[in-house]
PDB file of all heavy atoms in Angstrom:
ATOM      1  N   GLN A   1     -53.588  15.440 -16.555  1.00  0.00           N
ATOM      2  CA  GLN A   1     -52.884  16.324 -17.494  1.00  0.00           C
ATOM      3  C   GLN A   1     -52.477  15.530 -18.737  1.00  0.00           C
ATOM      4  O   GLN A   1     -51.867  14.464 -18.631  1.00  0.00           O
ATOM      5  CB  GLN A   1     -51.653  16.925 -16.790  1.00  0.00           C
ATOM      6  CG  GLN A   1     -51.107  18.151 -17.464  1.00  0.00           C
ATOM      7  CD  GLN A   1     -49.946  17.813 -18.402  1.00  0.00           C
ATOM      8  OE1 GLN A   1     -49.573  16.649 -18.568  1.00  0.00           O
ATOM      9  NE2 GLN A   1     -49.404  18.823 -19.042  1.00  0.00           N
ATOM     10  N   PRO A   2     -52.821  15.985 -19.919  1.00  0.00           N
ATOM     11  CA  PRO A   2     -52.640  15.179 -21.137  1.00  0.00           C
ATOM     12  C   PRO A   2     -51.204  14.766 -21.418  1.00  0.00           C
ATOM     13  O   PRO A   2     -50.950  13.607 -21.780  1.00  0.00           O
ATOM     14  CB  PRO A   2     -53.198  16.077 -22.244  1.00  0.00           C
ATOM     15  CG  PRO A   2     -54.146  16.995 -21.552  1.00  0.00           C
ATOM     16  CD  PRO A   2     -53.559  17.240 -20.212  1.00  0.00           C
ATOM     17  N   GLN A   3     -50.249  15.682 -21.262  1.00  0.00           N
ATOM     18  CA  GLN A   3     -48.884  15.381 -21.680  1.00  0.00           C
ATOM     19  C   GLN A   3     -48.260  14.266 -20.857  1.00  0.00           C
ATOM     20  O   GLN A   3     -47.605  13.378 -21.401  1.00  0.00           O
ATOM     21  CB  GLN A   3     -48.007  16.631 -21.609  1.00  0.00           C
ATOM     22  CG  GLN A   3     -46.622  16.441 -22.228  1.00  0.00           C
ATOM     23  CD  GLN A   3     -46.691  16.050 -23.698  1.00  0.00           C
ATOM     24  OE1 GLN A   3     -47.349  16.728 -24.486  1.00  0.00           O
ATOM     25  NE2 GLN A   3     -46.027  14.963 -24.079  1.00  0.00           N
ATOM     26  N   ILE A   4     -48.468  14.273 -19.544  1.00  0.00           N
ATOM     27  CA  ILE A   4     -47.868  13.221 -18.739  1.00  0.00           C
ATOM     28  C   ILE A   4     -48.491  11.874 -19.075  1.00  0.00           C
ATOM     29  O   ILE A   4     -47.806  10.846 -19.097  1.00  0.00           O
ATOM     30  CB  ILE A   4     -47.983  13.526 -17.223  1.00  0.00           C
ATOM     31  CG1 ILE A   4     -47.267  12.445 -16.410  1.00  0.00           C
ATOM     32  CG2 ILE A   4     -49.429  13.629 -16.778  1.00  0.00           C
ATOM     33  CD1 ILE A   4     -45.810  12.240 -16.752  1.00  0.00           C
ATOM     34  N   ARG A   5     -49.774  11.847 -19.383  1.00  0.00           N
ATOM     35  CA  ARG A   5     -50.402  10.593 -19.788  1.00  0.00           C
ATOM     36  C   ARG A   5     -49.800  10.087 -21.103  1.00  0.00           C
ATOM     37  O   ARG A   5     -49.514   8.894 -21.242  1.00  0.00           O
ATOM     38  CB  ARG A   5     -51.910  10.771 -19.933  1.00  0.00           C
ATOM     39  CG  ARG A   5     -52.650  10.974 -18.620  1.00  0.00           C
ATOM     40  CD  ARG A   5     -54.137  11.074 -18.831  1.00  0.00           C
ATOM     41  NE  ARG A   5     -54.863  10.970 -17.570  1.00  0.00           N
ATOM     42  CZ  ARG A   5     -56.170  10.786 -17.473  1.00  0.00           C
ATOM     43  NH1 ARG A   5     -56.914  10.681 -18.564  1.00  0.00           N
ATOM     44  NH2 ARG A   5     -56.756  10.704 -16.299  1.00  0.00           N
ATOM     45  N   THR A   6     -49.599  10.994 -22.033  1.00  0.00           N
ATOM     46  CA  THR A   6     -48.997  10.619 -23.318  1.00  0.00           C
ATOM     47  C   THR A   6     -47.580  10.101 -23.100  1.00  0.00           C
ATOM     48  O   THR A   6     -47.173   9.073 -23.674  1.00  0.00           O
ATOM     49  CB  THR A   6     -48.988  11.816 -24.268  1.00  0.00           C
ATOM     50  OG1 THR A   6     -50.338  12.212 -24.550  1.00  0.00           O
ATOM     51  CG2 THR A   6     -48.293  11.474 -25.584  1.00  0.00           C
ATOM     52  N   ASP A   7     -46.810  10.799 -22.264  1.00  0.00           N
ATOM     53  CA  ASP A   7     -45.428  10.393 -22.010  1.00  0.00           C
ATOM     54  C   ASP A   7     -45.361   9.035 -21.309  1.00  0.00           C
ATOM     55  O   ASP A   7     -44.514   8.196 -21.638  1.00  0.00           O
ATOM     56  CB  ASP A   7     -44.719  11.451 -21.161  1.00  0.00           C
ATOM     57  CG  ASP A   7     -44.417  12.724 -21.947  1.00  0.00           C
ATOM     58  OD1 ASP A   7     -44.538  12.704 -23.186  1.00  0.00           O
ATOM     59  OD2 ASP A   7     -44.071  13.740 -21.308  1.00  0.00           O
ATOM     60  N   LEU A   8     -46.253   8.809 -20.364  1.00  0.00           N
ATOM     61  CA  LEU A   8     -46.272   7.510 -19.686  1.00  0.00           C
ATOM     62  C   LEU A   8     -46.655   6.390 -20.650  1.00  0.00           C
ATOM     63  O   LEU A   8     -46.108   5.287 -20.589  1.00  0.00           O
ATOM     64  CB  LEU A   8     -47.238   7.545 -18.500  1.00  0.00           C
ATOM     65  CG  LEU A   8     -46.764   8.332 -17.277  1.00  0.00           C
ATOM     66  CD1 LEU A   8     -47.900   8.531 -16.279  1.00  0.00           C
ATOM     67  CD2 LEU A   8     -45.583   7.639 -16.598  1.00  0.00           C
ATOM     68  N   GLY A   9     -47.588   6.677 -21.548  1.00  0.00           N
ATOM     69  CA  GLY A   9     -47.956   5.692 -22.559  1.00  0.00           C
ATOM     70  C   GLY A   9     -46.769   5.290 -23.410  1.00  0.00           C
ATOM     71  O   GLY A   9     -46.549   4.102 -23.698  1.00  0.00           O
ATOM     72  N   LYS A  10     -45.977   6.279 -23.816  1.00  0.00           N
ATOM     73  CA  LYS A  10     -44.775   5.986 -24.603  1.00  0.00           C
ATOM     74  C   LYS A  10     -43.770   5.179 -23.776  1.00  0.00           C
ATOM     75  O   LYS A  10     -43.140   4.243 -24.276  1.00  0.00           O
ATOM     76  CB  LYS A  10     -44.129   7.296 -25.070  1.00  0.00           C
ATOM     77  CG  LYS A  10     -44.894   8.031 -26.151  1.00  0.00           C
ATOM     78  CD  LYS A  10     -44.315   9.421 -26.407  1.00  0.00           C
ATOM     79  CE  LYS A  10     -42.847   9.379 -26.838  1.00  0.00           C
ATOM     80  NZ  LYS A  10     -42.326  10.745 -27.084  1.00  0.00           N
ATOM     81  N   ALA A  11     -43.626   5.549 -22.496  1.00  0.00           N
ATOM     82  CA  ALA A  11     -42.642   4.880 -21.648  1.00  0.00           C
ATOM     83  C   ALA A  11     -43.012   3.421 -21.382  1.00  0.00           C
ATOM     84  O   ALA A  11     -42.137   2.561 -21.276  1.00  0.00           O
ATOM     85  CB  ALA A  11     -42.494   5.641 -20.333  1.00  0.00           C
ATOM     86  N   PHE A  12     -44.303   3.135 -21.261  1.00  0.00           N
ATOM     87  CA  PHE A  12     -44.754   1.763 -20.991  1.00  0.00           C
ATOM     88  C   PHE A  12     -44.879   0.931 -22.272  1.00  0.00           C
ATOM     89  O   PHE A  12     -45.106  -0.286 -22.186  1.00  0.00           O
ATOM     90  CB  PHE A  12     -46.108   1.770 -20.276  1.00  0.00           C
ATOM     91  CG  PHE A  12     -46.030   2.080 -18.804  1.00  0.00           C
ATOM     92  CD1 PHE A  12     -46.630   3.209 -18.288  1.00  0.00           C
ATOM     93  CD2 PHE A  12     -45.353   1.227 -17.945  1.00  0.00           C
ATOM     94  CE1 PHE A  12     -46.571   3.492 -16.933  1.00  0.00           C
ATOM     95  CE2 PHE A  12     -45.279   1.501 -16.586  1.00  0.00           C
ATOM     96  CZ  PHE A  12     -45.889   2.643 -16.072  1.00  0.00           C
ATOM     97  N   ALA A  13     -44.771   1.551 -23.431  1.00  0.00           N
ATOM     98  CA  ALA A  13     -44.956   0.841 -24.701  1.00  0.00           C
ATOM     99  C   ALA A  13     -44.019  -0.366 -24.777  1.00  0.00           C
ATOM    100  O   ALA A  13     -42.814  -0.265 -24.540  1.00  0.00           O
ATOM    101  CB  ALA A  13     -44.698   1.785 -25.873  1.00  0.00           C
ATOM    102  N   GLY A  14     -44.598  -1.504 -25.091  1.00  0.00           N
ATOM    103  CA  GLY A  14     -43.823  -2.739 -25.185  1.00  0.00           C
ATOM    104  C   GLY A  14     -43.596  -3.425 -23.855  1.00  0.00           C
ATOM    105  O   GLY A  14     -43.115  -4.558 -23.803  1.00  0.00           O
ATOM    106  N   ARG A  15     -43.966  -2.749 -22.739  1.00  0.00           N
ATOM    107  CA  ARG A  15     -43.745  -3.335 -21.410  1.00  0.00           C
ATOM    108  C   ARG A  15     -45.011  -3.256 -20.553  1.00  0.00           C
ATOM    109  O   ARG A  15     -44.958  -3.408 -19.330  1.00  0.00           O
ATOM    110  CB  ARG A  15     -42.577  -2.627 -20.714  1.00  0.00           C
ATOM    111  CG  ARG A  15     -41.295  -2.628 -21.532  1.00  0.00           C
ATOM    112  CD  ARG A  15     -40.117  -2.062 -20.772  1.00  0.00           C
ATOM    113  NE  ARG A  15     -39.673  -2.951 -19.696  1.00  0.00           N
ATOM    114  CZ  ARG A  15     -38.565  -2.743 -18.966  1.00  0.00           C
ATOM    115  NH1 ARG A  15     -37.807  -1.684 -19.199  1.00  0.00           N
ATOM    116  NH2 ARG A  15     -38.242  -3.578 -18.003  1.00  0.00           N
ATOM    117  N   ARG A  16     -46.147  -2.997 -21.213  1.00  0.00           N
ATOM    118  CA  ARG A  16     -47.398  -2.810 -20.482  1.00  0.00           C
ATOM    119  C   ARG A  16     -47.728  -3.991 -19.580  1.00  0.00           C
ATOM    120  O   ARG A  16     -48.221  -3.806 -18.448  1.00  0.00           O
ATOM    121  CB  ARG A  16     -48.549  -2.577 -21.487  1.00  0.00           C
ATOM    122  CG  ARG A  16     -49.959  -2.651 -20.903  1.00  0.00           C
ATOM    123  CD  ARG A  16     -50.233  -1.500 -19.938  1.00  0.00           C
ATOM    124  NE  ARG A  16     -51.545  -1.585 -19.311  1.00  0.00           N
ATOM    125  CZ  ARG A  16     -51.797  -2.172 -18.150  1.00  0.00           C
ATOM    126  NH1 ARG A  16     -50.800  -2.763 -17.471  1.00  0.00           N
ATOM    127  NH2 ARG A  16     -53.001  -2.179 -17.635  1.00  0.00           N
ATOM    128  N   GLU A  17     -47.443  -5.217 -20.013  1.00  0.00           N
ATOM    129  CA  GLU A  17     -47.809  -6.396 -19.237  1.00  0.00           C
ATOM    130  C   GLU A  17     -46.991  -6.530 -17.958  1.00  0.00           C
ATOM    131  O   GLU A  17     -47.352  -7.303 -17.060  1.00  0.00           O
ATOM    132  CB  GLU A  17     -47.648  -7.658 -20.091  1.00  0.00           C
ATOM    133  CG  GLU A  17     -48.577  -7.711 -21.296  1.00  0.00           C
ATOM    134  CD  GLU A  17     -50.043  -7.563 -20.905  1.00  0.00           C
ATOM    135  OE1 GLU A  17     -50.450  -8.210 -19.923  1.00  0.00           O
ATOM    136  OE2 GLU A  17     -50.762  -6.803 -21.568  1.00  0.00           O
ATOM    137  N   GLN A  18     -45.911  -5.775 -17.845  1.00  0.00           N
ATOM    138  CA  GLN A  18     -45.121  -5.801 -16.622  1.00  0.00           C
ATOM    139  C   GLN A  18     -45.699  -4.885 -15.549  1.00  0.00           C
ATOM    140  O   GLN A  18     -45.257  -4.916 -14.397  1.00  0.00           O
ATOM    141  CB  GLN A  18     -43.678  -5.355 -16.916  1.00  0.00           C
ATOM    142  CG  GLN A  18     -42.885  -6.308 -17.786  1.00  0.00           C
ATOM    143  CD  GLN A  18     -41.504  -5.756 -18.068  1.00  0.00           C
ATOM    144  OE1 GLN A  18     -41.184  -5.354 -19.190  1.00  0.00           O
ATOM    145  NE2 GLN A  18     -40.663  -5.699 -17.050  1.00  0.00           N
ATOM    146  N   ALA A  19     -46.678  -4.046 -15.920  1.00  0.00           N
ATOM    147  CA  ALA A  19     -47.158  -2.992 -15.032  1.00  0.00           C
ATOM    148  C   ALA A  19     -48.567  -3.272 -14.525  1.00  0.00           C
ATOM    149  O   ALA A  19     -49.423  -3.774 -15.254  1.00  0.00           O
ATOM    150  CB  ALA A  19     -47.132  -1.644 -15.755  1.00  0.00           C
ATOM    151  N   VAL A  20     -48.789  -2.951 -13.259  1.00  0.00           N
ATOM    152  CA  VAL A  20     -50.125  -2.895 -12.671  1.00  0.00           C
ATOM    153  C   VAL A  20     -50.469  -1.417 -12.538  1.00  0.00           C
ATOM    154  O   VAL A  20     -49.845  -0.696 -11.762  1.00  0.00           O
ATOM    155  CB  VAL A  20     -50.155  -3.577 -11.283  1.00  0.00           C
ATOM    156  CG1 VAL A  20     -51.510  -3.388 -10.616  1.00  0.00           C
ATOM    157  CG2 VAL A  20     -49.816  -5.059 -11.410  1.00  0.00           C
ATOM    158  N   LEU A  21     -51.438  -0.973 -13.337  1.00  0.00           N
ATOM    159  CA  LEU A  21     -51.769   0.452 -13.383  1.00  0.00           C
ATOM    160  C   LEU A  21     -53.002   0.761 -12.537  1.00  0.00           C
ATOM    161  O   LEU A  21     -54.021   0.074 -12.627  1.00  0.00           O
ATOM    162  CB  LEU A  21     -52.033   0.894 -14.821  1.00  0.00           C
ATOM    163  CG  LEU A  21     -50.864   0.849 -15.799  1.00  0.00           C
ATOM    164  CD1 LEU A  21     -51.317   1.339 -17.174  1.00  0.00           C
ATOM    165  CD2 LEU A  21     -49.694   1.690 -15.293  1.00  0.00           C
ATOM    166  N   GLN A  22     -52.892   1.806 -11.725  1.00  0.00           N
ATOM    167  CA  GLN A  22     -54.040   2.391 -11.047  1.00  0.00           C
ATOM    168  C   GLN A  22     -54.447   3.628 -11.846  1.00  0.00           C
ATOM    169  O   GLN A  22     -53.725   4.624 -11.869  1.00  0.00           O
ATOM    170  CB  GLN A  22     -53.691   2.807  -9.616  1.00  0.00           C
ATOM    171  CG  GLN A  22     -53.482   1.670  -8.648  1.00  0.00           C
ATOM    172  CD  GLN A  22     -53.377   2.146  -7.194  1.00  0.00           C
ATOM    173  OE1 GLN A  22     -53.504   1.327  -6.294  1.00  0.00           O
ATOM    174  NE2 GLN A  22     -53.165   3.426  -6.962  1.00  0.00           N
ATOM    175  N   GLY A  23     -55.600   3.563 -12.520  1.00  0.00           N
ATOM    176  CA  GLY A  23     -56.116   4.709 -13.267  1.00  0.00           C
ATOM    177  C   GLY A  23     -57.357   5.234 -12.578  1.00  0.00           C
ATOM    178  O   GLY A  23     -58.224   4.456 -12.174  1.00  0.00           O
ATOM    179  N   HIS A  24     -57.483   6.554 -12.459  1.00  0.00           N
ATOM    180  CA  HIS A  24     -58.521   7.136 -11.613  1.00  0.00           C
ATOM    181  C   HIS A  24     -59.758   7.565 -12.393  1.00  0.00           C
ATOM    182  O   HIS A  24     -59.660   8.166 -13.472  1.00  0.00           O
ATOM    183  CB  HIS A  24     -57.942   8.321 -10.839  1.00  0.00           C
ATOM    184  CG  HIS A  24     -56.989   7.909  -9.773  1.00  0.00           C
ATOM    185  ND1 HIS A  24     -57.137   8.276  -8.447  1.00  0.00           N
ATOM    186  CD2 HIS A  24     -55.874   7.127  -9.806  1.00  0.00           C
ATOM    187  CE1 HIS A  24     -56.150   7.759  -7.730  1.00  0.00           C
ATOM    188  NE2 HIS A  24     -55.365   7.060  -8.537  1.00  0.00           N
ATOM    189  N   ILE A  25     -60.908   7.270 -11.808  1.00  0.00           N
ATOM    190  CA  ILE A  25     -62.210   7.660 -12.350  1.00  0.00           C
ATOM    191  C   ILE A  25     -62.683   8.882 -11.563  1.00  0.00           C
ATOM    192  O   ILE A  25     -62.940   8.792 -10.355  1.00  0.00           O
ATOM    193  CB  ILE A  25     -63.237   6.519 -12.203  1.00  0.00           C
ATOM    194  CG1 ILE A  25     -62.743   5.257 -12.918  1.00  0.00           C
ATOM    195  CG2 ILE A  25     -64.608   6.941 -12.719  1.00  0.00           C
ATOM    196  CD1 ILE A  25     -63.552   4.004 -12.588  1.00  0.00           C
ATOM    197  N   GLY A  26     -62.753  10.014 -12.227  1.00  0.00           N
ATOM    198  CA  GLY A  26     -63.191  11.231 -11.545  1.00  0.00           C
ATOM    199  C   GLY A  26     -62.132  12.302 -11.477  1.00  0.00           C
ATOM    200  O   GLY A  26     -62.388  13.393 -10.956  1.00  0.00           O
ATOM    201  N   ALA A  27     -60.929  12.039 -11.985  1.00  0.00           N
ATOM    202  CA  ALA A  27     -59.898  13.069 -12.108  1.00  0.00           C
ATOM    203  C   ALA A  27     -59.947  13.590 -13.538  1.00  0.00           C
ATOM    204  O   ALA A  27     -59.748  12.834 -14.490  1.00  0.00           O
ATOM    205  CB  ALA A  27     -58.515  12.494 -11.802  1.00  0.00           C
ATOM    206  N   VAL A  28     -60.253  14.894 -13.705  1.00  0.00           N
ATOM    207  CA  VAL A  28     -60.423  15.465 -15.038  1.00  0.00           C
ATOM    208  C   VAL A  28     -59.531  16.701 -15.194  1.00  0.00           C
ATOM    209  O   VAL A  28     -58.989  17.228 -14.222  1.00  0.00           O
ATOM    210  CB  VAL A  28     -61.902  15.834 -15.307  1.00  0.00           C
ATOM    211  CG1 VAL A  28     -62.807  14.625 -15.072  1.00  0.00           C
ATOM    212  CG2 VAL A  28     -62.352  17.004 -14.446  1.00  0.00           C
ATOM    213  N   TRP A  29     -59.419  17.146 -16.438  1.00  0.00           N
ATOM    214  CA  TRP A  29     -58.565  18.287 -16.780  1.00  0.00           C
ATOM    215  C   TRP A  29     -59.430  19.346 -17.463  1.00  0.00           C
ATOM    216  O   TRP A  29     -59.984  19.096 -18.526  1.00  0.00           O
ATOM    217  CB  TRP A  29     -57.446  17.821 -17.713  1.00  0.00           C
ATOM    218  CG  TRP A  29     -56.385  18.830 -18.017  1.00  0.00           C
ATOM    219  CD1 TRP A  29     -56.232  19.548 -19.166  1.00  0.00           C
ATOM    220  CD2 TRP A  29     -55.294  19.215 -17.169  1.00  0.00           C
ATOM    221  NE1 TRP A  29     -55.124  20.351 -19.090  1.00  0.00           N
ATOM    222  CE2 TRP A  29     -54.532  20.174 -17.859  1.00  0.00           C
ATOM    223  CE3 TRP A  29     -54.903  18.853 -15.875  1.00  0.00           C
ATOM    224  CZ2 TRP A  29     -53.383  20.765 -17.325  1.00  0.00           C
ATOM    225  CZ3 TRP A  29     -53.764  19.448 -15.337  1.00  0.00           C
ATOM    226  CH2 TRP A  29     -53.024  20.382 -16.054  1.00  0.00           C
ATOM    227  N   GLU A  30     -59.568  20.498 -16.812  1.00  0.00           N
ATOM    228  CA  GLU A  30     -60.401  21.561 -17.360  1.00  0.00           C
ATOM    229  C   GLU A  30     -59.697  22.902 -17.250  1.00  0.00           C
ATOM    230  O   GLU A  30     -59.161  23.242 -16.188  1.00  0.00           O
ATOM    231  CB  GLU A  30     -61.743  21.636 -16.629  1.00  0.00           C
ATOM    232  CG  GLU A  30     -62.658  20.458 -16.897  1.00  0.00           C
ATOM    233  CD  GLU A  30     -64.026  20.625 -16.245  1.00  0.00           C
ATOM    234  OE1 GLU A  30     -64.167  21.501 -15.370  1.00  0.00           O
ATOM    235  OE2 GLU A  30     -64.951  19.895 -16.620  1.00  0.00           O
ATOM    236  N   ASN A  31     -59.681  23.641 -18.358  1.00  0.00           N
ATOM    237  CA  ASN A  31     -59.064  24.971 -18.376  1.00  0.00           C
ATOM    238  C   ASN A  31     -57.624  24.944 -17.874  1.00  0.00           C
ATOM    239  O   ASN A  31     -57.175  25.818 -17.121  1.00  0.00           O
ATOM    240  CB  ASN A  31     -59.887  25.957 -17.538  1.00  0.00           C
ATOM    241  CG  ASN A  31     -61.316  26.081 -18.037  1.00  0.00           C
ATOM    242  OD1 ASN A  31     -61.552  26.146 -19.246  1.00  0.00           O
ATOM    243  ND2 ASN A  31     -62.275  26.117 -17.116  1.00  0.00           N
ATOM    244  N   GLY A  32     -56.916  23.888 -18.293  1.00  0.00           N
ATOM    245  CA  GLY A  32     -55.506  23.778 -17.934  1.00  0.00           C
ATOM    246  C   GLY A  32     -55.239  23.405 -16.493  1.00  0.00           C
ATOM    247  O   GLY A  32     -54.122  23.576 -16.003  1.00  0.00           O
ATOM    248  N   GLN A  33     -56.262  22.856 -15.778  1.00  0.00           N
ATOM    249  CA  GLN A  33     -56.083  22.517 -14.382  1.00  0.00           C
ATOM    250  C   GLN A  33     -56.707  21.158 -14.048  1.00  0.00           C
ATOM    251  O   GLN A  33     -57.698  20.760 -14.668  1.00  0.00           O
ATOM    252  CB  GLN A  33     -56.734  23.567 -13.477  1.00  0.00           C
ATOM    253  CG  GLN A  33     -56.130  24.949 -13.576  1.00  0.00           C
ATOM    254  CD  GLN A  33     -56.757  25.906 -12.574  1.00  0.00           C
ATOM    255  OE1 GLN A  33     -56.566  25.756 -11.374  1.00  0.00           O
ATOM    256  NE2 GLN A  33     -57.508  26.877 -13.061  1.00  0.00           N
ATOM    257  N   TYR A  34     -56.111  20.509 -13.046  1.00  0.00           N
ATOM    258  CA  TYR A  34     -56.695  19.289 -12.494  1.00  0.00           C
ATOM    259  C   TYR A  34     -57.969  19.630 -11.746  1.00  0.00           C
ATOM    260  O   TYR A  34     -58.065  20.654 -11.059  1.00  0.00           O
ATOM    261  CB  TYR A  34     -55.693  18.621 -11.541  1.00  0.00           C
ATOM    262  CG  TYR A  34     -56.338  17.823 -10.425  1.00  0.00           C
ATOM    263  CD1 TYR A  34     -56.871  16.558 -10.659  1.00  0.00           C
ATOM    264  CD2 TYR A  34     -56.426  18.357  -9.140  1.00  0.00           C
ATOM    265  CE1 TYR A  34     -57.468  15.838  -9.631  1.00  0.00           C
ATOM    266  CE2 TYR A  34     -57.010  17.641  -8.105  1.00  0.00           C
ATOM    267  CZ  TYR A  34     -57.530  16.384  -8.360  1.00  0.00           C
ATOM    268  OH  TYR A  34     -58.124  15.682  -7.341  1.00  0.00           O
ATOM    269  N   LYS A  35     -58.963  18.751 -11.830  1.00  0.00           N
ATOM    270  CA  LYS A  35     -60.213  18.933 -11.104  1.00  0.00           C
ATOM    271  C   LYS A  35     -60.788  17.569 -10.766  1.00  0.00           C
ATOM    272  O   LYS A  35     -60.660  16.616 -11.537  1.00  0.00           O
ATOM    273  CB  LYS A  35     -61.204  19.729 -11.960  1.00  0.00           C
ATOM    274  CG  LYS A  35     -62.527  20.025 -11.285  1.00  0.00           C
ATOM    275  CD  LYS A  35     -63.451  20.819 -12.209  1.00  0.00           C
ATOM    276  CE  LYS A  35     -64.807  21.060 -11.564  1.00  0.00           C
ATOM    277  NZ  LYS A  35     -65.726  21.788 -12.487  1.00  0.00           N
ATOM    278  N   ARG A  36     -61.439  17.479  -9.616  1.00  0.00           N
ATOM    279  CA  ARG A  36     -62.174  16.270  -9.257  1.00  0.00           C
ATOM    280  C   ARG A  36     -63.625  16.466  -9.686  1.00  0.00           C
ATOM    281  O   ARG A  36     -64.228  17.498  -9.401  1.00  0.00           O
ATOM    282  CB  ARG A  36     -62.100  16.038  -7.745  1.00  0.00           C
ATOM    283  CG  ARG A  36     -62.883  14.844  -7.259  1.00  0.00           C
ATOM    284  CD  ARG A  36     -62.737  14.641  -5.769  1.00  0.00           C
ATOM    285  NE  ARG A  36     -63.083  15.824  -5.000  1.00  0.00           N
ATOM    286  CZ  ARG A  36     -63.267  15.834  -3.680  1.00  0.00           C
ATOM    287  NH1 ARG A  36     -63.136  14.716  -2.992  1.00  0.00           N
ATOM    288  NH2 ARG A  36     -63.575  16.948  -3.052  1.00  0.00           N
ATOM    289  N   SER A  37     -64.189  15.477 -10.373  1.00  0.00           N
ATOM    290  CA  SER A  37     -65.541  15.630 -10.907  1.00  0.00           C
ATOM    291  C   SER A  37     -66.356  14.368 -10.681  1.00  0.00           C
ATOM    292  O   SER A  37     -65.825  13.259 -10.679  1.00  0.00           O
ATOM    293  CB  SER A  37     -65.489  15.933 -12.408  1.00  0.00           C
ATOM    294  OG  SER A  37     -66.796  16.013 -12.950  1.00  0.00           O
ATOM    295  N   ARG A  38     -67.677  14.556 -10.496  1.00  0.00           N
ATOM    296  CA  ARG A  38     -68.611  13.435 -10.452  1.00  0.00           C
ATOM    297  C   ARG A  38     -69.578  13.482 -11.638  1.00  0.00           C
ATOM    298  O   ARG A  38     -70.524  12.701 -11.682  1.00  0.00           O
ATOM    299  CB  ARG A  38     -69.405  13.450  -9.138  1.00  0.00           C
ATOM    300  CG  ARG A  38     -68.539  13.420  -7.883  1.00  0.00           C
ATOM    301  CD  ARG A  38     -67.581  12.256  -7.856  1.00  0.00           C
ATOM    302  NE  ARG A  38     -66.766  12.240  -6.643  1.00  0.00           N
ATOM    303  CZ  ARG A  38     -65.516  11.858  -6.601  1.00  0.00           C
ATOM    304  NH1 ARG A  38     -64.897  11.469  -7.719  1.00  0.00           N
ATOM    305  NH2 ARG A  38     -64.843  11.862  -5.461  1.00  0.00           N
ATOM    306  N   ASP A  39     -69.319  14.390 -12.563  1.00  0.00           N
ATOM    307  CA  ASP A  39     -70.099  14.461 -13.804  1.00  0.00           C
ATOM    308  C   ASP A  39     -69.757  13.218 -14.620  1.00  0.00           C
ATOM    309  O   ASP A  39     -68.630  13.049 -15.084  1.00  0.00           O
ATOM    310  CB  ASP A  39     -69.726  15.732 -14.571  1.00  0.00           C
ATOM    311  CG  ASP A  39     -70.526  15.921 -15.849  1.00  0.00           C
ATOM    312  OD1 ASP A  39     -70.784  14.919 -16.556  1.00  0.00           O
ATOM    313  OD2 ASP A  39     -70.868  17.073 -16.168  1.00  0.00           O
ATOM    314  N   ILE A  40     -70.739  12.330 -14.790  1.00  0.00           N
ATOM    315  CA  ILE A  40     -70.432  11.025 -15.375  1.00  0.00           C
ATOM    316  C   ILE A  40     -69.923  11.135 -16.801  1.00  0.00           C
ATOM    317  O   ILE A  40     -69.080  10.330 -17.232  1.00  0.00           O
ATOM    318  CB  ILE A  40     -71.656  10.078 -15.278  1.00  0.00           C
ATOM    319  CG1 ILE A  40     -71.237   8.640 -15.605  1.00  0.00           C
ATOM    320  CG2 ILE A  40     -72.788  10.557 -16.163  1.00  0.00           C
ATOM    321  CD1 ILE A  40     -70.179   8.078 -14.683  1.00  0.00           C
ATOM    322  N   SER A  41     -70.386  12.115 -17.551  1.00  0.00           N
ATOM    323  CA  SER A  41     -69.896  12.265 -18.920  1.00  0.00           C
ATOM    324  C   SER A  41     -68.412  12.628 -18.920  1.00  0.00           C
ATOM    325  O   SER A  41     -67.641  12.141 -19.755  1.00  0.00           O
ATOM    326  CB  SER A  41     -70.711  13.329 -19.673  1.00  0.00           C
ATOM    327  OG  SER A  41     -70.571  14.593 -19.064  1.00  0.00           O
ATOM    328  N   LYS A  42     -68.005  13.461 -17.964  1.00  0.00           N
ATOM    329  CA  LYS A  42     -66.582  13.824 -17.862  1.00  0.00           C
ATOM    330  C   LYS A  42     -65.768  12.642 -17.335  1.00  0.00           C
ATOM    331  O   LYS A  42     -64.651  12.399 -17.803  1.00  0.00           O
ATOM    332  CB  LYS A  42     -66.417  15.040 -16.948  1.00  0.00           C
ATOM    333  CG  LYS A  42     -67.031  16.315 -17.501  1.00  0.00           C
ATOM    334  CD  LYS A  42     -66.895  17.463 -16.519  1.00  0.00           C
ATOM    335  CE  LYS A  42     -67.552  18.732 -17.073  1.00  0.00           C
ATOM    336  NZ  LYS A  42     -67.484  19.858 -16.114  1.00  0.00           N
ATOM    337  N   CYS A  43     -66.328  11.921 -16.385  1.00  0.00           N
ATOM    338  CA  CYS A  43     -65.624  10.736 -15.868  1.00  0.00           C
ATOM    339  C   CYS A  43     -65.356   9.733 -16.987  1.00  0.00           C
ATOM    340  O   CYS A  43     -64.258   9.180 -17.110  1.00  0.00           O
ATOM    341  CB  CYS A  43     -66.444  10.077 -14.760  1.00  0.00           C
ATOM    342  SG  CYS A  43     -66.563  11.035 -13.235  1.00  0.00           S
ATOM    343  N   ARG A  44     -66.366   9.492 -17.795  1.00  0.00           N
ATOM    344  CA  ARG A  44     -66.212   8.567 -18.922  1.00  0.00           C
ATOM    345  C   ARG A  44     -65.168   9.073 -19.912  1.00  0.00           C
ATOM    346  O   ARG A  44     -64.295   8.317 -20.356  1.00  0.00           O
ATOM    347  CB  ARG A  44     -67.544   8.373 -19.640  1.00  0.00           C
ATOM    348  CG  ARG A  44     -68.556   7.521 -18.887  1.00  0.00           C
ATOM    349  CD  ARG A  44     -69.863   7.406 -19.672  1.00  0.00           C
ATOM    350  NE  ARG A  44     -70.831   6.541 -19.019  1.00  0.00           N
ATOM    351  CZ  ARG A  44     -70.906   5.234 -19.200  1.00  0.00           C
ATOM    352  NH1 ARG A  44     -70.064   4.635 -20.048  1.00  0.00           N
ATOM    353  NH2 ARG A  44     -71.821   4.517 -18.567  1.00  0.00           N
TER     354      ARG A  44
END
C-alpha cells in the first residue's frame, strides 16, 4: 500500500542505517488492494 510505504520512509529518514529492512518481492498493489504476484514486471 503506497501510503504506509511513504510514511515509513519518512519515519526512517535519517535513521536508515539503524534498521534491517525486510522488503518483499511479489507483493503488489492493484485496484486499491494487496495482491501476490509472480508477474516479473510487476515484481520489479
